[in-house]
């Protein structure tokens, strides 16, 4: 009597799992790549942007806008960003991520730790795009629940991307956002 294909599939899966167990199974693999640590105020060069994180702080309220939920606060990171590619960049929400801030009221979706807002330092306007070879001072904002104490130090990831062919469109694109460096910044109270 022949075995049904379903039973053969289950048997093959059990065999594959058993063999993989001999070689570490489902253990996490150490890729050996650690993030470069960058000092506060030091430029980190890379693609598609150079980034200099210049400071971090928190504020319960700001003149121009308040958190979406009363009682929450803003975590703020100041940075200078310069586009190193040839085209203007519209993906500014991919430049920085917070690694260690708890209770973020995030709209990051599939990318937790992305900022909620980005403003230009020069005039407080929303930052929509940056142009090549024109460094811009920016403020990145994350909303944090008020029930949580603000962190004493923020771990800020600088994100890089790879320029490659997009398999859907066939065009060259900046894709695959991945952390490329880490900055640790003391958090100052900006309300006083």
N, C-alpha and C. Protein backbone atom coordinates (compact mmCIF):
# COMPACT_ATOMS: atom_id res chain seq x y z
N UNK A 1 0.84 -1.17 0.00
CA UNK A 1 0.00 0.00 0.00
C UNK A 1 0.89 1.24 0.00
N UNK A 2 0.59 2.16 -0.88
CA UNK A 2 1.37 3.38 -1.01
C UNK A 2 0.93 4.41 0.03
N UNK A 3 1.90 5.16 0.52
CA UNK A 3 1.60 6.23 1.49
C UNK A 3 1.04 7.44 0.75
N UNK A 4 0.07 8.11 1.38
CA UNK A 4 -0.44 9.34 0.76
C UNK A 4 0.66 10.40 0.70
N UNK A 5 0.61 11.28 -0.31
CA UNK A 5 1.64 12.32 -0.46
C UNK A 5 1.77 13.20 0.79
N UNK A 6 0.67 13.43 1.48
CA UNK A 6 0.72 14.25 2.68
C UNK A 6 1.64 13.63 3.73
N UNK A 7 1.54 12.31 3.92
CA UNK A 7 2.38 11.62 4.89
C UNK A 7 3.84 11.66 4.47
N UNK A 8 4.08 11.56 3.18
CA UNK A 8 5.46 11.62 2.69
C UNK A 8 6.05 13.01 2.96
N UNK A 9 5.25 14.07 2.77
CA UNK A 9 5.70 15.43 3.02
C UNK A 9 6.03 15.66 4.48
N UNK A 10 5.16 15.13 5.35
CA UNK A 10 5.40 15.26 6.79
C UNK A 10 6.67 14.51 7.18
N UNK A 11 6.86 13.32 6.63
CA UNK A 11 8.06 12.54 6.92
C UNK A 11 9.32 13.26 6.46
N UNK A 12 9.27 13.88 5.28
CA UNK A 12 10.43 14.61 4.77
C UNK A 12 10.74 15.82 5.65
N UNK A 13 9.71 16.51 6.13
CA UNK A 13 9.92 17.67 6.99
C UNK A 13 10.56 17.25 8.31
N UNK A 14 10.09 16.14 8.90
CA UNK A 14 10.65 15.64 10.15
C UNK A 14 12.11 15.23 9.95
N UNK A 15 12.40 14.58 8.84
CA UNK A 15 13.77 14.17 8.54
C UNK A 15 14.67 15.39 8.37
N UNK A 16 14.21 16.42 7.66
CA UNK A 16 15.00 17.64 7.45
C UNK A 16 15.27 18.35 8.77
N UNK A 17 14.26 18.42 9.63
CA UNK A 17 14.44 19.06 10.93
C UNK A 17 15.44 18.28 11.78
N UNK A 18 15.36 16.96 11.74
CA UNK A 18 16.29 16.12 12.50
C UNK A 18 17.73 16.29 12.02
N UNK A 19 17.93 16.31 10.71
CA UNK A 19 19.28 16.48 10.17
C UNK A 19 19.81 17.87 10.49
N UNK A 20 18.95 18.89 10.40
CA UNK A 20 19.42 20.24 10.70
C UNK A 20 19.82 20.37 12.17
N UNK A 21 19.21 19.57 13.05
CA UNK A 21 19.58 19.57 14.46
C UNK A 21 21.02 19.17 14.68
N UNK A 22 21.56 18.33 13.82
CA UNK A 22 22.95 17.93 13.93
C UNK A 22 23.90 19.09 13.69
N UNK A 23 23.45 20.12 12.98
CA UNK A 23 24.29 21.26 12.61
C UNK A 23 23.84 22.56 13.26
N UNK A 24 23.23 22.48 14.42
CA UNK A 24 22.82 23.69 15.12
C UNK A 24 21.34 23.97 14.99
N UNK A 25 20.65 23.26 14.14
CA UNK A 25 19.20 23.39 14.02
C UNK A 25 18.74 24.80 13.75
N UNK A 26 17.84 25.25 14.59
CA UNK A 26 17.25 26.56 14.41
C UNK A 26 17.94 27.62 15.29
N UNK A 27 19.17 27.32 15.74
CA UNK A 27 19.92 28.30 16.54
C UNK A 27 20.17 29.56 15.74
N UNK A 28 20.20 30.70 16.45
CA UNK A 28 20.51 31.97 15.79
C UNK A 28 21.97 31.93 15.33
N UNK A 29 22.20 32.44 14.15
CA UNK A 29 23.55 32.43 13.58
C UNK A 29 24.21 33.77 13.86
N UNK A 30 25.43 33.73 14.39
CA UNK A 30 26.19 34.95 14.60
C UNK A 30 26.87 35.33 13.29
N UNK A 31 26.47 36.47 12.73
CA UNK A 31 27.03 36.89 11.46
C UNK A 31 28.39 37.55 11.63
N UNK A 32 28.75 37.86 12.88
CA UNK A 32 30.04 38.46 13.14
C UNK A 32 30.11 39.94 12.78
N UNK A 33 29.00 40.53 12.40
CA UNK A 33 29.02 41.95 12.07
C UNK A 33 28.44 42.76 13.22
N UNK A 34 29.26 43.62 13.79
CA UNK A 34 28.81 44.52 14.84
C UNK A 34 28.69 45.90 14.25
N UNK A 35 27.77 46.67 14.80
CA UNK A 35 27.61 48.03 14.34
C UNK A 35 28.81 48.87 14.77
N UNK A 36 29.23 49.74 13.89
CA UNK A 36 30.27 50.70 14.25
C UNK A 36 29.68 51.66 15.27
N UNK A 37 30.45 51.99 16.30
CA UNK A 37 30.00 52.98 17.28
C UNK A 37 30.61 54.31 16.91
N UNK A 38 29.75 55.32 16.84
CA UNK A 38 30.17 56.65 16.42
C UNK A 38 29.96 57.60 17.60
N UNK A 39 30.93 58.46 17.85
CA UNK A 39 30.82 59.44 18.92
C UNK A 39 29.81 60.51 18.54
N UNK A 40 29.11 61.01 19.54
CA UNK A 40 28.18 62.11 19.35
C UNK A 40 28.92 63.29 18.72
N UNK A 41 28.35 63.89 17.69
CA UNK A 41 28.96 65.02 17.02
C UNK A 41 29.95 64.67 15.93
N UNK A 42 30.12 63.37 15.66
CA UNK A 42 31.05 62.91 14.63
C UNK A 42 30.27 62.44 13.42
N UNK A 43 30.71 62.84 12.24
CA UNK A 43 30.02 62.44 11.02
C UNK A 43 30.28 60.96 10.74
N UNK A 44 29.22 60.26 10.35
CA UNK A 44 29.37 58.88 9.89
C UNK A 44 29.05 58.89 8.40
N UNK A 45 30.06 58.60 7.59
CA UNK A 45 29.89 58.66 6.14
C UNK A 45 29.35 57.34 5.63
N UNK A 46 28.50 57.41 4.62
CA UNK A 46 27.94 56.20 4.05
C UNK A 46 26.95 56.53 2.96
N UNK A 47 26.23 55.51 2.55
CA UNK A 47 25.27 55.63 1.46
C UNK A 47 23.86 55.37 1.98
N UNK A 48 22.87 56.06 1.57
CA UNK A 48 22.86 57.19 0.64
C UNK A 48 22.98 58.54 1.33
N UNK A 49 23.45 58.56 2.60
CA UNK A 49 23.59 59.83 3.31
C UNK A 49 24.69 59.75 4.36
N UNK A 50 25.29 60.91 4.63
CA UNK A 50 26.19 61.08 5.77
C UNK A 50 25.35 61.63 6.91
N UNK A 51 25.63 61.16 8.13
CA UNK A 51 24.83 61.57 9.28
C UNK A 51 25.73 61.95 10.44
N UNK A 52 25.43 63.08 11.08
CA UNK A 52 26.09 63.51 12.31
C UNK A 52 25.01 63.72 13.35
N UNK A 53 24.93 62.85 14.35
CA UNK A 53 23.99 63.04 15.45
C UNK A 53 24.62 64.04 16.41
N UNK A 54 23.91 65.14 16.69
CA UNK A 54 24.49 66.22 17.50
C UNK A 54 23.91 66.33 18.90
N UNK A 55 22.79 65.66 19.18
CA UNK A 55 22.23 65.73 20.52
C UNK A 55 20.91 65.02 20.63
N UNK A 56 20.45 64.86 21.90
CA UNK A 56 19.17 64.19 22.16
C UNK A 56 18.54 64.81 23.40
N UNK A 57 17.22 64.79 23.43
CA UNK A 57 16.52 65.34 24.58
C UNK A 57 15.09 64.86 24.62
N UNK A 58 14.33 65.39 25.61
CA UNK A 58 12.90 65.09 25.68
C UNK A 58 12.16 66.35 26.09
N UNK A 59 10.90 66.42 25.69
CA UNK A 59 10.05 67.56 26.05
C UNK A 59 8.62 67.08 26.16
N UNK A 60 7.94 67.55 27.19
CA UNK A 60 6.53 67.19 27.37
C UNK A 60 5.64 67.92 26.37
N UNK A 61 6.05 69.12 26.00
CA UNK A 61 5.29 69.88 25.00
C UNK A 61 6.25 70.82 24.29
N UNK A 62 5.91 71.15 23.09
CA UNK A 62 6.69 72.08 22.29
C UNK A 62 5.75 73.16 21.78
N UNK A 63 6.29 74.31 21.45
CA UNK A 63 5.45 75.42 20.98
C UNK A 63 4.65 75.04 19.73
N UNK A 64 5.30 74.38 18.80
CA UNK A 64 4.67 74.15 17.50
C UNK A 64 3.69 72.97 17.47
N UNK A 65 3.88 71.99 18.32
CA UNK A 65 2.97 70.84 18.32
C UNK A 65 3.09 70.06 19.61
N UNK A 66 2.03 69.34 19.92
CA UNK A 66 1.98 68.53 21.13
C UNK A 66 1.89 67.06 20.74
N UNK A 67 2.22 66.16 21.67
CA UNK A 67 2.03 64.73 21.37
C UNK A 67 0.56 64.44 21.06
N UNK A 68 0.33 63.38 20.30
CA UNK A 68 -1.04 63.01 19.94
C UNK A 68 -1.88 62.67 21.16
N UNK A 69 -1.26 62.07 22.16
CA UNK A 69 -1.96 61.68 23.37
C UNK A 69 -1.53 62.60 24.52
N UNK A 70 -2.47 63.30 25.16
CA UNK A 70 -2.11 64.17 26.29
C UNK A 70 -1.38 63.38 27.37
N UNK A 71 -0.36 64.00 27.93
CA UNK A 71 0.44 63.34 28.97
C UNK A 71 1.67 62.64 28.44
N UNK A 72 1.74 62.43 27.14
CA UNK A 72 2.94 61.82 26.54
C UNK A 72 4.01 62.88 26.35
N UNK A 73 5.19 62.46 25.91
CA UNK A 73 6.29 63.38 25.66
C UNK A 73 6.93 63.08 24.32
N UNK A 74 7.76 64.00 23.87
CA UNK A 74 8.55 63.79 22.65
C UNK A 74 9.98 63.46 23.04
N UNK A 75 10.53 62.42 22.43
CA UNK A 75 11.98 62.20 22.43
C UNK A 75 12.49 62.83 21.16
N UNK A 76 13.56 63.61 21.27
CA UNK A 76 14.05 64.40 20.14
C UNK A 76 15.52 64.09 19.90
N UNK A 77 15.87 63.87 18.63
CA UNK A 77 17.27 63.70 18.24
C UNK A 77 17.58 64.75 17.19
N UNK A 78 18.66 65.49 17.42
CA UNK A 78 19.14 66.48 16.45
C UNK A 78 20.26 65.85 15.64
N UNK A 79 20.21 66.04 14.32
CA UNK A 79 21.23 65.46 13.44
C UNK A 79 21.39 66.30 12.18
N UNK A 80 22.59 66.26 11.63
CA UNK A 80 22.86 66.86 10.33
C UNK A 80 22.89 65.71 9.32
N UNK A 81 22.11 65.84 8.25
CA UNK A 81 22.03 64.79 7.23
C UNK A 81 22.41 65.40 5.89
N UNK A 82 23.31 64.72 5.18
CA UNK A 82 23.73 65.15 3.85
C UNK A 82 23.57 64.00 2.87
N UNK A 83 22.81 64.21 1.83
CA UNK A 83 22.60 63.19 0.81
C UNK A 83 23.90 63.02 0.02
N UNK A 84 24.36 61.77 -0.10
CA UNK A 84 25.60 61.50 -0.82
C UNK A 84 25.36 60.96 -2.22
N UNK A 85 24.13 60.58 -2.51
CA UNK A 85 23.79 60.09 -3.84
C UNK A 85 23.58 61.24 -4.81
N UNK A 86 23.14 60.90 -6.01
CA UNK A 86 22.95 61.90 -7.06
C UNK A 86 21.53 62.46 -7.10
N UNK A 87 20.57 61.79 -6.45
CA UNK A 87 19.18 62.23 -6.50
C UNK A 87 18.74 62.73 -5.13
N UNK A 88 17.71 63.59 -5.15
CA UNK A 88 17.09 64.04 -3.90
C UNK A 88 16.47 62.83 -3.21
N UNK A 89 16.40 62.89 -1.88
CA UNK A 89 15.89 61.77 -1.09
C UNK A 89 14.56 62.16 -0.44
N UNK A 90 13.58 61.28 -0.56
CA UNK A 90 12.27 61.47 0.06
C UNK A 90 12.07 60.51 1.24
N UNK A 91 13.02 59.63 1.49
CA UNK A 91 12.88 58.58 2.50
C UNK A 91 13.57 58.95 3.82
N UNK A 92 13.32 60.15 4.30
CA UNK A 92 14.00 60.64 5.50
C UNK A 92 13.65 59.85 6.76
N UNK A 93 12.48 59.20 6.75
CA UNK A 93 12.09 58.41 7.92
C UNK A 93 12.93 57.14 8.07
N UNK A 94 13.80 56.88 7.10
CA UNK A 94 14.70 55.74 7.17
C UNK A 94 16.10 56.11 7.66
N UNK A 95 16.37 57.38 7.97
CA UNK A 95 17.73 57.80 8.33
C UNK A 95 18.12 57.31 9.73
N UNK A 96 17.24 57.47 10.72
CA UNK A 96 17.54 57.11 12.11
C UNK A 96 16.44 56.24 12.69
N UNK A 97 16.85 55.39 13.63
CA UNK A 97 15.90 54.61 14.44
C UNK A 97 16.39 54.61 15.88
N UNK A 98 15.46 54.55 16.80
CA UNK A 98 15.83 54.41 18.21
C UNK A 98 15.87 52.93 18.55
N UNK A 99 16.87 52.56 19.30
CA UNK A 99 17.04 51.15 19.64
C UNK A 99 16.51 50.85 21.04
N UNK A 100 16.72 51.72 22.01
CA UNK A 100 16.47 51.37 23.41
C UNK A 100 15.35 52.14 24.09
N UNK A 101 14.59 52.93 23.37
CA UNK A 101 13.52 53.70 24.00
C UNK A 101 12.29 52.80 24.18
N UNK A 102 11.77 52.76 25.39
CA UNK A 102 10.61 51.91 25.64
C UNK A 102 9.33 52.72 25.54
N UNK A 103 8.23 52.02 25.35
CA UNK A 103 6.88 52.60 25.30
C UNK A 103 6.74 53.71 24.26
N UNK A 104 7.33 53.50 23.08
CA UNK A 104 7.11 54.45 22.00
C UNK A 104 5.71 54.27 21.45
N UNK A 105 5.03 55.38 21.21
CA UNK A 105 3.71 55.36 20.59
C UNK A 105 3.99 55.48 19.10
N UNK A 106 4.48 54.40 18.54
CA UNK A 106 5.09 54.44 17.21
C UNK A 106 4.09 54.26 16.09
N UNK A 107 4.35 54.95 15.02
CA UNK A 107 3.64 54.73 13.78
C UNK A 107 4.61 54.10 12.78
N UNK A 108 5.67 53.50 13.29
CA UNK A 108 6.70 52.92 12.43
C UNK A 108 6.25 51.72 11.65
N UNK A 109 5.13 51.10 12.05
CA UNK A 109 4.61 49.94 11.32
C UNK A 109 5.61 48.81 11.28
N UNK A 110 6.00 48.42 10.08
CA UNK A 110 6.92 47.30 9.90
C UNK A 110 8.34 47.66 10.34
N UNK A 111 8.58 48.94 10.59
CA UNK A 111 9.91 49.39 10.99
C UNK A 111 9.84 50.07 12.34
N UNK A 112 9.77 49.29 13.43
CA UNK A 112 9.68 49.90 14.76
C UNK A 112 10.91 50.78 15.02
N UNK A 113 10.69 51.86 15.74
CA UNK A 113 11.79 52.77 16.05
C UNK A 113 11.93 53.91 15.07
N UNK A 114 11.12 53.91 14.00
CA UNK A 114 11.16 55.03 13.05
C UNK A 114 10.54 56.26 13.71
N UNK A 115 11.00 57.45 13.32
CA UNK A 115 10.44 58.67 13.93
C UNK A 115 9.01 58.94 13.50
N UNK A 116 8.30 59.70 14.36
CA UNK A 116 6.93 60.11 14.05
C UNK A 116 6.90 61.38 13.21
N UNK A 117 7.88 62.25 13.44
CA UNK A 117 7.96 63.51 12.70
C UNK A 117 9.42 63.89 12.50
N UNK A 118 9.66 64.66 11.44
CA UNK A 118 10.99 65.20 11.18
C UNK A 118 10.80 66.66 10.76
N UNK A 119 11.50 67.54 11.47
CA UNK A 119 11.40 68.97 11.17
C UNK A 119 12.76 69.55 10.81
N UNK A 120 12.74 70.56 9.96
CA UNK A 120 13.95 71.31 9.62
C UNK A 120 14.27 72.24 10.78
N UNK A 121 15.53 72.29 11.19
CA UNK A 121 15.91 73.17 12.29
C UNK A 121 15.78 74.64 11.87
N UNK A 122 16.07 74.95 10.62
CA UNK A 122 16.13 76.36 10.18
C UNK A 122 14.79 77.08 10.26
N UNK A 123 13.67 76.38 10.04
CA UNK A 123 12.39 77.09 10.07
C UNK A 123 11.25 76.28 10.71
N UNK A 124 11.53 75.08 11.20
CA UNK A 124 10.51 74.27 11.87
C UNK A 124 9.52 73.61 10.94
N UNK A 125 9.75 73.69 9.63
CA UNK A 125 8.84 73.06 8.67
C UNK A 125 9.08 71.55 8.62
N UNK A 126 8.05 70.83 8.19
CA UNK A 126 8.20 69.38 8.00
C UNK A 126 9.27 69.12 6.95
N UNK A 127 10.14 68.18 7.22
CA UNK A 127 11.19 67.82 6.27
C UNK A 127 10.62 66.76 5.32
N UNK A 128 10.48 67.12 4.06
CA UNK A 128 9.90 66.20 3.07
C UNK A 128 10.97 65.55 2.21
N UNK A 129 12.02 66.31 1.89
CA UNK A 129 13.10 65.75 1.07
C UNK A 129 14.37 66.55 1.30
N UNK A 130 15.48 65.89 0.98
CA UNK A 130 16.80 66.53 1.04
C UNK A 130 17.46 66.39 -0.32
N UNK A 131 18.35 67.34 -0.61
CA UNK A 131 19.02 67.36 -1.91
C UNK A 131 20.50 67.04 -1.77
N UNK A 132 21.12 66.48 -2.81
CA UNK A 132 22.54 66.12 -2.74
C UNK A 132 23.43 67.32 -2.40
N UNK A 133 24.46 67.03 -1.62
CA UNK A 133 25.50 68.01 -1.26
C UNK A 133 24.96 69.26 -0.57
N UNK A 134 23.81 69.15 0.08
CA UNK A 134 23.24 70.27 0.84
C UNK A 134 22.90 69.78 2.24
N UNK A 135 23.89 69.76 3.15
CA UNK A 135 23.62 69.27 4.51
C UNK A 135 22.49 70.07 5.16
N UNK A 136 21.65 69.36 5.89
CA UNK A 136 20.50 70.00 6.54
C UNK A 136 20.43 69.55 7.99
N UNK A 137 20.23 70.52 8.91
CA UNK A 137 20.05 70.20 10.31
C UNK A 137 18.58 69.84 10.52
N UNK A 138 18.35 68.66 11.12
CA UNK A 138 17.00 68.14 11.30
C UNK A 138 16.76 67.78 12.76
N UNK A 139 15.47 67.82 13.14
CA UNK A 139 15.03 67.29 14.42
C UNK A 139 14.12 66.09 14.13
N UNK A 140 14.44 64.95 14.74
CA UNK A 140 13.66 63.73 14.61
C UNK A 140 12.88 63.55 15.92
N UNK A 141 11.58 63.25 15.82
CA UNK A 141 10.70 63.15 16.99
C UNK A 141 10.05 61.78 17.09
N UNK A 142 10.06 61.23 18.32
CA UNK A 142 9.35 60.00 18.64
C UNK A 142 8.45 60.29 19.83
N UNK A 143 7.20 59.87 19.78
CA UNK A 143 6.30 60.05 20.91
C UNK A 143 6.48 58.88 21.88
N UNK A 144 6.65 59.23 23.16
CA UNK A 144 6.82 58.21 24.20
C UNK A 144 5.71 58.36 25.22
N UNK A 145 5.17 57.23 25.67
CA UNK A 145 4.11 57.24 26.67
C UNK A 145 4.59 57.94 27.94
N UNK A 146 3.71 58.80 28.51
CA UNK A 146 4.07 59.57 29.69
C UNK A 146 4.25 58.75 30.94
N UNK A 147 3.71 57.53 30.96
CA UNK A 147 3.83 56.67 32.16
C UNK A 147 5.25 56.16 32.34
N UNK A 148 6.09 56.27 31.31
CA UNK A 148 7.46 55.77 31.33
C UNK A 148 8.43 56.91 31.57
N UNK A 149 9.43 56.67 32.38
CA UNK A 149 10.47 57.68 32.59
C UNK A 149 11.27 57.84 31.29
N UNK A 150 11.65 59.06 30.96
CA UNK A 150 12.48 59.23 29.76
C UNK A 150 13.84 58.57 29.99
N UNK A 151 14.43 58.02 28.95
CA UNK A 151 15.74 57.36 29.13
C UNK A 151 16.82 58.39 29.45
N UNK A 152 17.85 57.95 30.14
CA UNK A 152 19.00 58.82 30.42
C UNK A 152 19.92 58.91 29.22
N UNK A 153 19.89 57.86 28.41
CA UNK A 153 20.73 57.80 27.22
C UNK A 153 19.93 57.14 26.11
N UNK A 154 20.07 57.64 24.89
CA UNK A 154 19.44 57.01 23.74
C UNK A 154 20.49 56.31 22.90
N UNK A 155 20.11 55.13 22.42
CA UNK A 155 20.92 54.43 21.43
C UNK A 155 20.25 54.67 20.08
N UNK A 156 20.95 55.38 19.23
CA UNK A 156 20.40 55.82 17.95
C UNK A 156 21.11 55.08 16.83
N UNK A 157 20.34 54.36 16.03
CA UNK A 157 20.91 53.65 14.89
C UNK A 157 20.88 54.54 13.66
N UNK A 158 22.04 54.65 12.99
CA UNK A 158 22.10 55.30 11.69
C UNK A 158 21.86 54.21 10.66
N UNK A 159 20.90 54.44 9.79
CA UNK A 159 20.49 53.43 8.82
C UNK A 159 21.15 53.70 7.47
N UNK A 160 21.58 52.65 6.83
CA UNK A 160 22.12 52.74 5.47
C UNK A 160 21.26 51.92 4.53
N UNK A 161 21.48 52.10 3.25
CA UNK A 161 20.76 51.34 2.24
C UNK A 161 21.73 50.87 1.17
N UNK A 162 21.28 49.90 0.40
CA UNK A 162 22.08 49.36 -0.70
C UNK A 162 21.44 49.74 -2.02
N UNK A 163 22.27 50.22 -2.94
CA UNK A 163 21.76 50.55 -4.27
C UNK A 163 21.83 49.29 -5.12
N UNK A 164 20.67 48.83 -5.55
CA UNK A 164 20.60 47.60 -6.34
C UNK A 164 19.35 47.64 -7.23
N UNK A 165 19.27 46.67 -8.11
CA UNK A 165 18.11 46.56 -9.00
C UNK A 165 16.91 46.08 -8.20
N UNK A 166 15.82 46.81 -8.30
CA UNK A 166 14.56 46.42 -7.68
C UNK A 166 13.98 45.28 -8.51
N UNK A 167 13.74 44.14 -7.89
CA UNK A 167 13.27 42.97 -8.63
C UNK A 167 11.86 43.15 -9.18
N UNK A 168 11.10 44.10 -8.64
CA UNK A 168 9.75 44.33 -9.14
C UNK A 168 9.72 45.26 -10.35
N UNK A 169 10.57 46.31 -10.30
CA UNK A 169 10.53 47.31 -11.38
C UNK A 169 11.67 47.17 -12.38
N UNK A 170 12.76 46.52 -11.97
CA UNK A 170 13.93 46.42 -12.84
C UNK A 170 14.79 47.67 -12.83
N UNK A 171 14.45 48.66 -12.01
CA UNK A 171 15.21 49.90 -11.92
C UNK A 171 16.15 49.89 -10.72
N UNK A 172 17.23 50.66 -10.80
CA UNK A 172 18.14 50.81 -9.67
C UNK A 172 17.43 51.63 -8.59
N UNK A 173 17.49 51.16 -7.35
CA UNK A 173 16.84 51.82 -6.22
C UNK A 173 17.74 51.69 -4.99
N UNK A 174 17.54 52.58 -4.01
CA UNK A 174 18.15 52.43 -2.70
C UNK A 174 17.19 51.58 -1.87
N UNK A 175 17.61 50.37 -1.53
CA UNK A 175 16.74 49.41 -0.85
C UNK A 175 17.44 48.83 0.38
N UNK A 176 16.77 47.95 1.05
CA UNK A 176 17.31 47.16 2.16
C UNK A 176 17.84 48.02 3.31
N UNK A 177 16.97 48.82 3.95
CA UNK A 177 17.45 49.63 5.08
C UNK A 177 17.96 48.75 6.21
N UNK A 178 19.20 48.98 6.61
CA UNK A 178 19.84 48.21 7.69
C UNK A 178 20.67 49.16 8.55
N UNK A 179 20.72 48.91 9.87
CA UNK A 179 21.59 49.73 10.72
C UNK A 179 23.05 49.60 10.28
N UNK A 180 23.75 50.74 10.22
CA UNK A 180 25.16 50.71 9.84
C UNK A 180 26.06 51.29 10.92
N UNK A 181 25.48 52.03 11.88
CA UNK A 181 26.27 52.60 12.97
C UNK A 181 25.36 52.89 14.15
N UNK A 182 25.97 53.03 15.32
CA UNK A 182 25.24 53.28 16.56
C UNK A 182 25.85 54.48 17.26
N UNK A 183 24.99 55.40 17.69
CA UNK A 183 25.42 56.58 18.46
C UNK A 183 24.71 56.53 19.79
N UNK A 184 25.46 56.74 20.88
CA UNK A 184 24.87 56.85 22.21
C UNK A 184 24.90 58.32 22.61
N UNK A 185 23.72 58.84 22.98
CA UNK A 185 23.61 60.25 23.31
C UNK A 185 22.92 60.44 24.64
N UNK A 186 23.50 61.26 25.54
CA UNK A 186 22.79 61.58 26.77
C UNK A 186 21.53 62.38 26.46
N UNK A 187 20.48 62.14 27.22
CA UNK A 187 19.18 62.78 26.97
C UNK A 187 19.01 63.95 27.92
N UNK A 188 18.80 65.14 27.34
CA UNK A 188 18.63 66.36 28.13
C UNK A 188 17.15 66.72 28.24
N UNK A 189 16.77 67.33 29.35
CA UNK A 189 15.42 67.84 29.53
C UNK A 189 15.31 69.16 28.79
N UNK A 190 14.51 69.21 27.74
CA UNK A 190 14.39 70.39 26.91
C UNK A 190 13.27 71.32 27.36
N UNK A 191 12.52 70.93 28.40
CA UNK A 191 11.40 71.75 28.86
C UNK A 191 11.85 72.90 29.74
N UNK A 192 13.03 72.85 30.27
CA UNK A 192 13.47 73.93 31.16
C UNK A 192 14.30 74.97 30.46
